[in-house]
N, C-alpha and C. Protein backbone atom coordinates (compact mmCIF):
# COMPACT_ATOMS: atom_id res chain seq x y z
N MET A 1 77.69 -128.51 106.27
CA MET A 1 78.90 -126.76 107.12
C MET A 1 78.69 -127.37 108.43
N LYS A 2 77.97 -127.81 109.33
CA LYS A 2 78.37 -127.90 110.50
C LYS A 2 79.57 -128.53 110.54
N TYR A 3 79.06 -129.43 110.40
CA TYR A 3 80.72 -131.21 110.20
C TYR A 3 82.24 -130.13 109.87
N THR A 4 82.14 -129.60 108.74
CA THR A 4 83.44 -128.49 108.33
C THR A 4 83.88 -127.29 109.25
N LEU A 5 83.43 -126.98 110.12
CA LEU A 5 83.66 -125.72 111.49
C LEU A 5 83.68 -126.93 112.02
N VAL A 6 83.38 -127.78 112.88
CA VAL A 6 83.76 -128.96 113.79
C VAL A 6 85.22 -128.93 113.29
N CYS A 7 85.57 -129.99 111.91
CA CYS A 7 86.55 -129.97 112.15
C CYS A 7 87.56 -129.16 112.16
N THR A 8 87.40 -127.40 111.38
CA THR A 8 88.74 -126.87 111.30
C THR A 8 89.12 -126.41 112.72
N ALA A 9 87.64 -125.60 113.82
CA ALA A 9 87.83 -125.98 114.92
C ALA A 9 88.68 -126.49 115.45
N LEU A 10 88.48 -127.96 115.65
CA LEU A 10 90.00 -129.20 116.11
C LEU A 10 90.71 -129.05 115.15
N LEU A 11 91.03 -128.89 114.13
CA LEU A 11 92.36 -129.17 113.92
C LEU A 11 92.68 -126.93 114.19
N LEU A 12 92.75 -126.31 114.53
CA LEU A 12 93.31 -124.93 114.08
C LEU A 12 93.40 -125.13 116.22
N SER A 13 92.80 -125.86 117.25
CA SER A 13 93.31 -125.86 118.22
C SER A 13 94.61 -127.09 118.68
N PHE A 14 94.40 -128.42 117.49
CA PHE A 14 95.24 -129.08 117.53
C PHE A 14 96.43 -127.84 117.19
N VAL A 15 96.84 -127.31 116.30
CA VAL A 15 97.93 -126.73 115.78
C VAL A 15 98.06 -125.60 117.05
N ALA A 16 97.75 -124.71 117.74
CA ALA A 16 97.86 -124.16 118.96
C ALA A 16 98.30 -124.89 119.84
N ASN A 17 97.64 -125.81 120.03
CA ASN A 17 98.20 -126.60 121.16
C ASN A 17 100.19 -127.62 121.11
N ALA A 18 99.77 -127.81 119.55
CA ALA A 18 101.27 -128.26 119.43
C ALA A 18 102.65 -127.46 119.23
N GLN A 19 102.03 -126.14 119.38
CA GLN A 19 102.94 -124.77 119.46
C GLN A 19 103.47 -124.89 120.93
N SER A 20 102.77 -125.75 121.63
CA SER A 20 102.94 -125.37 123.20
C SER A 20 103.70 -126.45 123.94
N PHE A 21 104.15 -127.31 122.51
CA PHE A 21 104.98 -129.09 122.78
C PHE A 21 106.17 -129.15 122.00
N HIS A 22 107.65 -129.47 122.68
CA HIS A 22 108.17 -129.51 122.03
C HIS A 22 109.36 -130.46 122.91
N PHE A 23 110.15 -131.10 122.31
CA PHE A 23 110.75 -132.28 122.42
C PHE A 23 112.38 -131.96 121.50
N GLY A 24 113.69 -132.86 122.75
CA GLY A 24 114.45 -132.80 121.88
C GLY A 24 115.91 -134.12 122.37
N PRO A 25 117.05 -133.53 122.18
CA PRO A 25 118.42 -134.43 122.92
C PRO A 25 118.77 -133.80 123.96
N LYS A 26 118.97 -134.58 124.90
CA LYS A 26 120.13 -133.77 126.18
C LYS A 26 121.75 -134.64 126.32
N LEU A 27 122.23 -134.19 127.01
CA LEU A 27 123.37 -134.74 127.20
C LEU A 27 124.07 -133.87 128.93
N ASP A 28 124.26 -134.59 129.40
CA ASP A 28 125.35 -134.00 130.97
C ASP A 28 126.14 -134.11 131.07
N LEU A 29 127.07 -133.97 132.24
CA LEU A 29 128.19 -134.33 133.03
C LEU A 29 127.13 -134.92 134.58
N ASN A 30 127.83 -135.91 134.50
CA ASN A 30 127.02 -136.02 135.89
C ASN A 30 127.60 -136.78 137.14
N TYR A 31 128.20 -135.68 138.04
CA TYR A 31 128.95 -135.97 139.37
C TYR A 31 128.37 -136.29 140.29
N SER A 32 128.70 -137.33 140.77
CA SER A 32 127.50 -138.48 141.57
C SER A 32 128.28 -139.21 143.00
N ALA A 33 127.52 -139.04 144.16
CA ALA A 33 128.35 -139.75 145.10
C ALA A 33 127.00 -140.62 145.59
N LEU A 34 128.25 -141.37 146.51
CA LEU A 34 126.97 -142.20 146.87
C LEU A 34 127.30 -142.49 148.76
N LYS A 35 126.56 -142.43 149.60
CA LYS A 35 126.84 -141.83 151.04
C LYS A 35 126.17 -142.87 151.93
N GLY A 36 127.05 -144.13 152.94
CA GLY A 36 126.76 -144.83 153.61
C GLY A 36 128.00 -145.84 153.66
N ASP A 37 127.67 -146.44 154.99
CA ASP A 37 128.61 -147.30 155.60
C ASP A 37 129.72 -148.67 154.36
N GLY A 38 130.93 -148.56 154.09
CA GLY A 38 130.94 -149.97 153.34
C GLY A 38 131.24 -148.82 151.89
N VAL A 39 131.09 -148.02 151.61
CA VAL A 39 130.87 -147.35 150.53
C VAL A 39 131.89 -145.80 150.67
N LYS A 40 132.94 -145.39 149.56
CA LYS A 40 133.33 -144.28 149.87
C LYS A 40 132.43 -142.92 149.11
N ASN A 41 132.46 -141.81 149.69
CA ASN A 41 131.53 -140.97 149.80
C ASN A 41 132.47 -140.25 148.62
N LYS A 42 133.09 -140.42 147.64
CA LYS A 42 133.71 -139.34 147.11
C LYS A 42 132.97 -139.48 145.77
N VAL A 43 132.86 -137.60 144.90
CA VAL A 43 132.83 -137.46 143.93
C VAL A 43 133.45 -138.17 142.91
N SER A 44 132.32 -138.65 141.88
CA SER A 44 132.74 -139.14 140.49
C SER A 44 132.58 -138.86 139.10
N ALA A 45 132.76 -138.46 138.45
CA ALA A 45 132.27 -138.03 137.17
C ALA A 45 131.49 -139.23 135.87
N GLY A 46 130.41 -138.92 136.27
CA GLY A 46 129.47 -140.00 135.29
C GLY A 46 129.15 -139.45 134.01
N PHE A 47 127.99 -140.33 133.23
CA PHE A 47 127.04 -139.05 132.37
C PHE A 47 125.80 -139.15 132.18
N GLN A 48 125.04 -138.91 131.36
CA GLN A 48 123.95 -138.78 131.77
C GLN A 48 123.54 -138.35 129.78
N ALA A 49 122.56 -139.54 129.09
CA ALA A 49 121.92 -139.02 127.59
C ALA A 49 120.24 -139.40 128.07
N GLY A 50 120.09 -138.22 126.73
CA GLY A 50 118.52 -139.35 126.64
C GLY A 50 117.87 -138.06 125.92
N ALA A 51 116.78 -138.19 126.01
CA ALA A 51 115.60 -137.08 125.42
C ALA A 51 114.54 -136.41 126.63
N PHE A 52 113.61 -135.68 125.75
CA PHE A 52 112.99 -134.67 126.88
C PHE A 52 112.12 -134.44 126.29
N ALA A 53 110.32 -134.01 126.82
CA ALA A 53 109.63 -133.23 126.16
C ALA A 53 108.94 -132.05 127.33
N GLU A 54 108.78 -131.24 126.66
CA GLU A 54 107.97 -130.13 127.04
C GLU A 54 107.05 -129.78 126.75
N TYR A 55 106.09 -129.42 127.59
CA TYR A 55 104.22 -129.21 127.24
C TYR A 55 104.17 -128.02 128.23
N ASN A 56 104.00 -126.18 127.56
CA ASN A 56 103.94 -125.02 128.24
C ASN A 56 102.30 -125.35 128.24
N PHE A 57 101.69 -124.90 129.42
CA PHE A 57 100.72 -124.91 130.31
C PHE A 57 100.14 -123.22 129.53
N ASN A 58 101.27 -122.41 129.79
CA ASN A 58 101.09 -120.87 129.07
C ASN A 58 102.28 -120.63 129.27
N LYS A 59 102.45 -119.38 129.75
CA LYS A 59 103.99 -118.36 129.00
C LYS A 59 105.09 -118.73 130.13
N HIS A 60 104.50 -119.26 131.80
CA HIS A 60 105.17 -119.50 132.81
C HIS A 60 105.34 -121.00 133.03
N TRP A 61 104.44 -121.83 133.09
CA TRP A 61 104.44 -122.96 133.57
C TRP A 61 104.49 -123.93 132.45
N ALA A 62 104.61 -124.90 132.42
CA ALA A 62 105.08 -126.37 131.73
C ALA A 62 105.34 -128.00 132.69
N ILE A 63 105.50 -128.65 132.26
CA ILE A 63 105.66 -129.82 132.75
C ILE A 63 106.46 -130.48 131.58
N GLN A 64 107.62 -130.98 132.65
CA GLN A 64 108.97 -131.82 131.48
C GLN A 64 109.27 -132.77 132.34
N PRO A 65 108.90 -134.16 130.97
CA PRO A 65 109.47 -135.06 131.87
C PRO A 65 110.72 -135.86 130.82
N GLU A 66 111.39 -136.62 130.93
CA GLU A 66 112.42 -137.28 130.26
C GLU A 66 112.70 -138.19 130.25
N LEU A 67 113.80 -138.67 129.74
CA LEU A 67 113.82 -140.38 129.26
C LEU A 67 115.46 -140.80 129.35
N LEU A 68 115.98 -140.77 129.79
CA LEU A 68 117.51 -140.88 130.39
C LEU A 68 118.37 -142.13 130.87
N TYR A 69 119.99 -142.17 130.26
CA TYR A 69 120.04 -143.09 130.22
C TYR A 69 121.65 -142.72 131.24
N THR A 70 121.23 -143.22 132.09
CA THR A 70 122.18 -142.80 133.72
C THR A 70 123.27 -143.71 133.82
N TRP A 71 124.84 -143.16 133.78
CA TRP A 71 125.95 -143.76 134.49
C TRP A 71 126.43 -143.46 135.50
N ASN A 72 127.00 -144.55 136.34
CA ASN A 72 127.02 -143.53 137.90
C ASN A 72 128.21 -144.55 137.87
N PRO A 73 129.67 -143.91 138.43
CA PRO A 73 130.65 -145.01 138.59
C PRO A 73 131.03 -144.63 140.43
N TYR A 74 130.95 -145.22 140.92
CA TYR A 74 131.22 -145.57 142.64
C TYR A 74 132.64 -146.14 143.12
N LYS A 75 132.87 -146.09 144.55
CA LYS A 75 133.66 -146.80 144.98
C LYS A 75 133.68 -147.41 146.29
N LYS A 76 133.71 -148.70 146.32
CA LYS A 76 133.98 -149.46 147.25
C LYS A 76 134.70 -149.02 148.92
N GLY A 77 134.43 -148.83 149.62
CA GLY A 77 134.98 -148.72 151.07
C GLY A 77 135.98 -149.15 151.50
N ASP A 78 137.51 -148.70 152.00
CA ASP A 78 138.70 -149.89 152.49
C ASP A 78 137.75 -150.23 153.51
N ASP A 79 136.65 -150.26 154.28
CA ASP A 79 135.78 -150.09 155.47
C ASP A 79 134.81 -151.64 154.76
N PHE A 80 134.85 -151.88 153.95
CA PHE A 80 133.50 -152.35 153.43
C PHE A 80 133.70 -153.75 154.13
N MET A 81 134.64 -154.83 154.54
CA MET A 81 134.48 -156.07 154.66
C MET A 81 134.04 -155.54 156.38
N THR A 82 134.62 -154.38 156.95
CA THR A 82 133.36 -154.12 158.43
C THR A 82 132.62 -154.28 158.74
N TYR A 83 131.96 -153.53 157.69
CA TYR A 83 130.25 -154.18 157.82
C TYR A 83 129.95 -154.96 156.94
N TYR A 84 130.41 -155.86 156.10
CA TYR A 84 129.95 -157.13 155.32
C TYR A 84 130.53 -158.11 155.80
N ASN A 85 130.80 -158.81 156.87
CA ASN A 85 131.90 -159.55 156.66
C ASN A 85 130.96 -160.81 156.40
N ASN A 86 129.90 -160.95 156.57
CA ASN A 86 129.53 -162.20 156.59
C ASN A 86 128.89 -162.69 154.78
N SER A 87 129.07 -161.57 154.29
CA SER A 87 128.21 -161.81 152.76
C SER A 87 129.31 -161.32 152.12
N GLY A 88 130.36 -160.13 152.70
CA GLY A 88 130.85 -159.34 151.71
C GLY A 88 131.86 -160.86 150.80
N ARG A 89 132.96 -159.93 149.93
CA ARG A 89 134.17 -160.75 149.36
C ARG A 89 135.31 -160.03 149.43
N SER A 90 136.35 -160.45 150.57
CA SER A 90 137.61 -160.10 150.63
C SER A 90 138.34 -159.02 149.71
N ALA A 91 138.38 -160.75 148.37
CA ALA A 91 138.75 -159.88 147.20
C ALA A 91 138.08 -158.88 145.93
N ALA A 92 137.19 -158.38 146.80
CA ALA A 92 135.91 -157.92 145.70
C ALA A 92 136.98 -156.55 145.25
N GLY A 93 136.48 -156.14 143.80
CA GLY A 93 136.93 -154.96 143.14
C GLY A 93 136.81 -153.94 144.21
N THR A 94 137.77 -152.43 143.58
CA THR A 94 137.28 -151.33 144.05
C THR A 94 135.93 -150.93 143.34
N ASN A 95 136.33 -150.80 142.17
CA ASN A 95 134.99 -150.21 141.04
C ASN A 95 133.46 -150.35 141.36
N ILE A 96 132.66 -149.61 141.51
CA ILE A 96 131.37 -150.54 140.80
C ILE A 96 130.90 -149.15 140.42
N ASN A 97 130.44 -149.47 138.72
CA ASN A 97 129.83 -148.81 137.66
C ASN A 97 127.86 -149.36 137.58
N LEU A 98 127.31 -148.40 138.13
CA LEU A 98 126.11 -148.69 137.71
C LEU A 98 125.49 -148.01 136.67
N ALA A 99 123.92 -148.48 136.12
CA ALA A 99 123.68 -147.96 135.00
C ALA A 99 122.27 -147.54 135.38
N TYR A 100 121.70 -147.23 135.21
CA TYR A 100 119.89 -146.61 135.00
C TYR A 100 118.93 -146.34 134.11
N ILE A 101 117.98 -146.59 133.95
CA ILE A 101 117.02 -146.04 133.33
C ILE A 101 116.56 -144.71 133.91
N SER A 102 116.16 -144.01 133.69
CA SER A 102 115.04 -142.99 134.29
C SER A 102 114.59 -141.81 134.06
N LEU A 103 113.55 -141.97 134.90
CA LEU A 103 112.37 -140.92 134.27
C LEU A 103 112.11 -139.69 135.02
N PRO A 104 113.03 -138.72 135.28
CA PRO A 104 111.94 -137.37 135.73
C PRO A 104 111.16 -136.48 135.26
N VAL A 105 110.33 -136.28 135.70
CA VAL A 105 108.85 -135.61 135.57
C VAL A 105 108.98 -133.99 136.39
N LEU A 106 109.17 -133.16 135.75
CA LEU A 106 109.55 -132.29 136.46
C LEU A 106 108.93 -130.56 135.74
N ALA A 107 108.35 -130.54 136.79
CA ALA A 107 107.30 -128.76 136.89
C ALA A 107 108.29 -128.06 136.31
N ARG A 108 108.34 -127.31 135.73
CA ARG A 108 109.02 -125.90 135.00
C ARG A 108 108.22 -124.91 135.36
N TYR A 109 108.81 -124.21 135.45
CA TYR A 109 108.45 -122.81 136.01
C TYR A 109 109.63 -121.69 135.20
N ASN A 110 109.10 -120.89 133.99
CA ASN A 110 109.80 -119.98 133.01
C ASN A 110 109.99 -118.67 133.24
N LEU A 111 110.85 -118.01 134.57
CA LEU A 111 110.52 -116.74 135.24
C LEU A 111 110.94 -115.53 134.30
N ASN A 112 111.29 -116.12 133.11
CA ASN A 112 111.11 -115.39 131.58
C ASN A 112 111.43 -115.98 130.28
N LYS A 113 112.06 -115.05 129.56
CA LYS A 113 112.50 -116.00 127.91
C LYS A 113 113.66 -116.35 128.23
N VAL A 114 114.62 -116.26 129.44
CA VAL A 114 115.64 -117.22 129.14
C VAL A 114 116.44 -117.44 130.33
N VAL A 115 115.72 -117.19 131.72
CA VAL A 115 115.79 -118.59 132.95
C VAL A 115 114.46 -118.86 132.93
N SER A 116 114.76 -120.72 133.45
CA SER A 116 113.64 -121.40 134.18
C SER A 116 114.74 -121.96 135.42
N VAL A 117 113.53 -122.75 135.90
CA VAL A 117 113.64 -123.34 137.23
C VAL A 117 112.75 -124.38 136.93
N MET A 118 113.40 -125.84 137.90
CA MET A 118 112.47 -127.16 137.90
C MET A 118 112.38 -128.20 139.12
N ALA A 119 111.82 -128.32 139.47
CA ALA A 119 111.66 -129.72 140.24
C ALA A 119 110.62 -130.21 139.97
N GLY A 120 110.81 -131.91 140.29
CA GLY A 120 110.38 -133.03 140.38
C GLY A 120 110.69 -133.87 141.19
N PRO A 121 109.85 -135.41 140.95
CA PRO A 121 110.34 -136.48 141.48
C PRO A 121 111.23 -137.45 140.14
N GLN A 122 111.75 -137.65 140.29
CA GLN A 122 112.87 -138.55 139.50
C GLN A 122 112.97 -140.54 139.76
N PHE A 123 112.44 -141.04 138.88
CA PHE A 123 112.75 -142.12 139.07
C PHE A 123 113.66 -143.04 138.41
N SER A 124 114.35 -144.33 138.84
CA SER A 124 115.59 -144.35 138.47
C SER A 124 115.34 -146.57 138.38
N TYR A 125 115.46 -147.09 137.09
CA TYR A 125 115.45 -148.27 136.77
C TYR A 125 116.90 -148.71 136.93
N LEU A 126 117.24 -150.13 136.97
CA LEU A 126 119.07 -149.78 137.39
C LEU A 126 119.03 -151.52 136.77
N VAL A 127 119.36 -151.10 135.68
CA VAL A 127 119.71 -151.77 134.15
C VAL A 127 120.96 -152.64 134.46
N PHE A 128 121.81 -151.89 134.86
CA PHE A 128 123.25 -152.60 134.69
C PHE A 128 123.98 -152.45 136.00
N GLU A 129 124.69 -153.31 136.60
CA GLU A 129 125.60 -153.24 137.59
C GLU A 129 127.27 -154.08 137.76
N ASP A 130 128.32 -153.05 137.23
CA ASP A 130 128.76 -153.93 137.27
C ASP A 130 129.55 -153.86 138.85
N GLU A 131 129.33 -155.04 139.57
CA GLU A 131 130.39 -155.06 140.63
C GLU A 131 130.52 -156.61 141.19
N ASP A 132 131.71 -156.42 142.36
CA ASP A 132 131.50 -157.90 142.62
C ASP A 132 131.78 -158.14 144.14
N LEU A 133 130.71 -157.19 144.95
CA LEU A 133 130.91 -157.19 146.40
C LEU A 133 130.45 -158.40 147.28
N LEU A 134 129.48 -159.11 146.59
CA LEU A 134 129.75 -159.95 148.08
C LEU A 134 129.54 -161.38 146.92
N LYS A 135 129.87 -162.66 148.40
CA LYS A 135 129.64 -163.63 147.89
C LYS A 135 128.70 -164.55 146.84
N GLU A 136 129.46 -165.42 146.37
CA GLU A 136 128.03 -166.03 145.60
C GLU A 136 127.51 -165.38 144.24
N GLY A 137 128.05 -164.81 144.26
CA GLY A 137 127.12 -163.66 142.69
C GLY A 137 126.34 -162.78 142.67
N ARG A 138 126.66 -162.88 144.41
CA ARG A 138 124.76 -161.73 144.78
C ARG A 138 124.76 -160.39 144.23
N LYS A 139 123.83 -159.88 143.97
CA LYS A 139 124.45 -158.74 143.74
C LYS A 139 124.19 -157.57 145.04
N ALA A 140 124.46 -156.64 144.62
CA ALA A 140 124.76 -155.03 146.22
C ALA A 140 123.11 -154.43 146.28
N PHE A 141 123.45 -153.71 144.95
CA PHE A 141 122.16 -152.82 144.67
C PHE A 141 120.34 -152.87 144.29
N ASP A 142 120.05 -152.15 145.17
CA ASP A 142 118.26 -152.76 144.67
C ASP A 142 118.06 -151.66 142.93
N LYS A 143 117.12 -152.27 143.02
CA LYS A 143 117.31 -151.92 141.01
C LYS A 143 116.18 -150.98 141.00
N THR A 144 115.26 -150.32 142.49
CA THR A 144 114.99 -149.26 142.34
C THR A 144 115.38 -148.09 142.72
N GLU A 145 115.06 -146.98 142.31
CA GLU A 145 115.56 -145.50 142.87
C GLU A 145 114.36 -144.33 143.25
N ILE A 146 114.13 -143.87 144.12
CA ILE A 146 112.57 -142.68 143.72
C ILE A 146 114.45 -141.27 144.46
N SER A 147 114.34 -139.98 143.46
CA SER A 147 114.97 -139.14 143.80
C SER A 147 113.72 -137.99 143.66
N ALA A 148 115.16 -137.04 144.48
CA ALA A 148 113.89 -135.84 143.81
C ALA A 148 115.05 -134.69 143.41
N ALA A 149 114.20 -134.06 142.26
CA ALA A 149 115.50 -133.15 141.52
C ALA A 149 115.20 -131.75 141.51
N ALA A 150 116.44 -130.90 141.09
CA ALA A 150 115.78 -129.48 141.46
C ALA A 150 116.77 -128.44 140.16
N GLY A 151 116.99 -127.35 139.50
CA GLY A 151 117.67 -127.17 138.85
C GLY A 151 117.17 -125.98 138.31
N VAL A 152 118.17 -125.12 137.17
CA VAL A 152 118.04 -124.24 136.74
C VAL A 152 118.30 -124.48 135.25
N GLN A 153 117.75 -123.61 134.33
CA GLN A 153 118.18 -123.71 132.97
C GLN A 153 118.58 -122.69 132.53
N VAL A 154 119.33 -121.91 131.54
CA VAL A 154 119.40 -121.04 130.75
C VAL A 154 119.17 -121.03 129.05
N ASN A 155 117.97 -120.46 128.66
CA ASN A 155 117.68 -120.82 127.48
C ASN A 155 117.76 -119.96 126.36
N LEU A 156 118.86 -120.08 125.42
CA LEU A 156 119.57 -119.47 124.21
C LEU A 156 118.69 -119.36 122.82
N GLY A 157 117.25 -119.20 122.70
CA GLY A 157 117.23 -120.09 121.62
C GLY A 157 116.64 -121.02 121.46
N ASN A 158 116.80 -122.22 120.67
CA ASN A 158 116.93 -123.65 120.78
C ASN A 158 117.48 -123.81 122.03
N VAL A 159 118.25 -124.11 122.15
CA VAL A 159 119.67 -124.43 123.43
C VAL A 159 118.93 -124.40 125.07
N GLY A 160 119.68 -124.95 125.19
CA GLY A 160 119.20 -124.93 126.54
C GLY A 160 120.58 -125.33 127.68
N PHE A 161 121.08 -124.49 128.89
CA PHE A 161 122.05 -125.31 129.26
C PHE A 161 121.67 -124.87 130.89
N TYR A 162 122.05 -126.29 131.30
CA TYR A 162 121.13 -126.39 133.04
C TYR A 162 122.17 -126.83 133.78
N ALA A 163 121.52 -126.63 135.54
CA ALA A 163 122.45 -127.11 136.33
C ALA A 163 121.45 -127.82 137.07
N ARG A 164 122.21 -128.54 137.23
CA ARG A 164 120.47 -129.64 138.06
C ARG A 164 121.08 -130.68 139.43
N TYR A 165 120.68 -130.32 140.71
CA TYR A 165 120.64 -131.31 141.95
C TYR A 165 119.44 -132.28 141.71
N VAL A 166 120.15 -133.52 142.32
CA VAL A 166 119.53 -134.75 142.27
C VAL A 166 120.01 -135.57 143.39
N LYS A 167 118.80 -135.69 144.55
CA LYS A 167 119.12 -136.50 145.73
C LYS A 167 118.36 -137.41 146.27
N GLY A 168 119.41 -138.86 146.17
CA GLY A 168 118.13 -140.10 146.32
C GLY A 168 118.00 -140.52 147.94
N LEU A 169 116.17 -140.25 147.60
CA LEU A 169 115.56 -140.50 149.14
C LEU A 169 115.53 -141.73 149.26
N ASN A 170 115.93 -142.94 148.47
CA ASN A 170 115.64 -144.14 149.46
C ASN A 170 116.50 -144.92 149.55
N ASN A 171 117.09 -145.76 149.71
CA ASN A 171 117.64 -146.43 150.33
C ASN A 171 118.09 -148.03 149.24
N ILE A 172 119.36 -147.82 148.73
CA ILE A 172 119.82 -148.38 147.44
C ILE A 172 120.52 -149.16 148.20
N ASN A 173 120.87 -149.82 149.12
CA ASN A 173 121.55 -151.37 149.20
C ASN A 173 120.97 -152.42 149.80
N ASP A 174 121.10 -153.41 148.86
CA ASP A 174 120.20 -154.39 148.78
C ASP A 174 121.18 -155.31 149.48
N VAL A 175 121.97 -155.47 150.33
CA VAL A 175 122.95 -156.34 151.02
C VAL A 175 121.63 -156.84 151.79
N ASP A 176 121.43 -155.79 153.15
CA ASP A 176 120.60 -156.11 153.84
C ASP A 176 120.44 -154.88 154.53
N ASP A 177 119.22 -154.95 155.91
CA ASP A 177 118.79 -153.87 156.28
C ASP A 177 119.46 -153.39 157.49
N ARG A 178 120.67 -153.14 157.50
CA ARG A 178 121.28 -152.52 158.67
C ARG A 178 121.82 -151.67 158.22
N TYR A 179 122.34 -151.28 157.13
CA TYR A 179 122.60 -149.57 156.76
C TYR A 179 122.33 -149.36 155.48
N THR A 180 122.74 -147.99 155.68
CA THR A 180 121.76 -147.37 154.65
C THR A 180 122.82 -146.54 153.61
N TRP A 181 122.74 -146.38 152.18
CA TRP A 181 123.18 -145.75 150.94
C TRP A 181 122.70 -145.17 150.19
N LYS A 182 122.92 -143.74 150.32
CA LYS A 182 121.91 -143.25 149.53
C LYS A 182 122.57 -141.95 148.14
N SER A 183 122.33 -142.01 147.44
CA SER A 183 123.08 -141.21 146.31
C SER A 183 123.20 -139.93 145.96
N SER A 184 123.85 -139.15 145.66
CA SER A 184 123.22 -137.56 145.41
C SER A 184 124.00 -137.11 144.40
N HIS A 185 123.65 -136.29 143.22
CA HIS A 185 124.35 -136.06 141.82
C HIS A 185 124.21 -134.33 141.40
N VAL A 186 125.21 -134.09 140.84
CA VAL A 186 125.00 -132.52 140.86
C VAL A 186 125.65 -133.20 138.66
N GLN A 187 124.26 -131.97 137.92
CA GLN A 187 124.35 -132.46 136.59
C GLN A 187 124.82 -130.88 135.99
N VAL A 188 125.23 -131.04 134.99
CA VAL A 188 125.79 -130.05 134.12
C VAL A 188 125.35 -130.23 132.16
N GLY A 189 124.64 -129.63 131.95
CA GLY A 189 124.43 -130.36 130.60
C GLY A 189 123.88 -129.34 129.74
N ILE A 190 123.07 -130.12 128.40
CA ILE A 190 122.55 -129.31 127.00
C ILE A 190 121.58 -130.05 126.87
N ALA A 191 120.46 -129.15 126.79
CA ALA A 191 119.40 -129.49 125.82
C ALA A 191 119.00 -128.74 124.69
N VAL A 192 118.60 -129.46 123.43
CA VAL A 192 118.50 -128.85 122.26
C VAL A 192 117.20 -129.24 121.67
N ARG A 193 116.10 -128.46 121.44
CA ARG A 193 114.82 -128.17 120.94
C ARG A 193 114.91 -128.64 119.76
N ILE A 194 114.35 -129.24 118.70
CA ILE A 194 114.19 -129.73 117.47
C ILE A 194 113.23 -129.41 117.43
N LYS A 195 112.02 -129.05 117.96
CA LYS A 195 110.96 -129.03 117.64
C LYS A 195 109.82 -128.25 118.31
């Protein structure tokens, strides 16, 4: 009898906690810019796709980790060779395309059933780099990026519409340590809760 009661209590606890856990896909437009010497500080449109999970501690507080594939297009500056005359390629193309696997971990506060605000760190790892800025096939970008993210989401049933600002905190210039490149992003998208 005690075994049955313990198992029933554990099962009820699991069911109660499962109602606080949700997940689903998300997709957004990612307007990004890269600021620094030798690159154009111009906003370009990319995209981001992946999935999110959400664990609600109570009706107001939740944690929301995400796993995302992020595509960021940037441009080489007209003055690139002014700064990198020793290591840069004078015949380098203008386009810079970077793809990351990103992992934001956001604290989420639900103001009510419709509006939520969220903020937290984001770790990104560079998985694809299409650029030919440097001599001898060297790549110009660091593999890792740490960012801070903050945004707001409007929840309409199982669908959320969100806007988020993500600011790169570390220097992603891997050419040398003389100049700093940092990214910034404005993201507008949709998340669908399927559970």
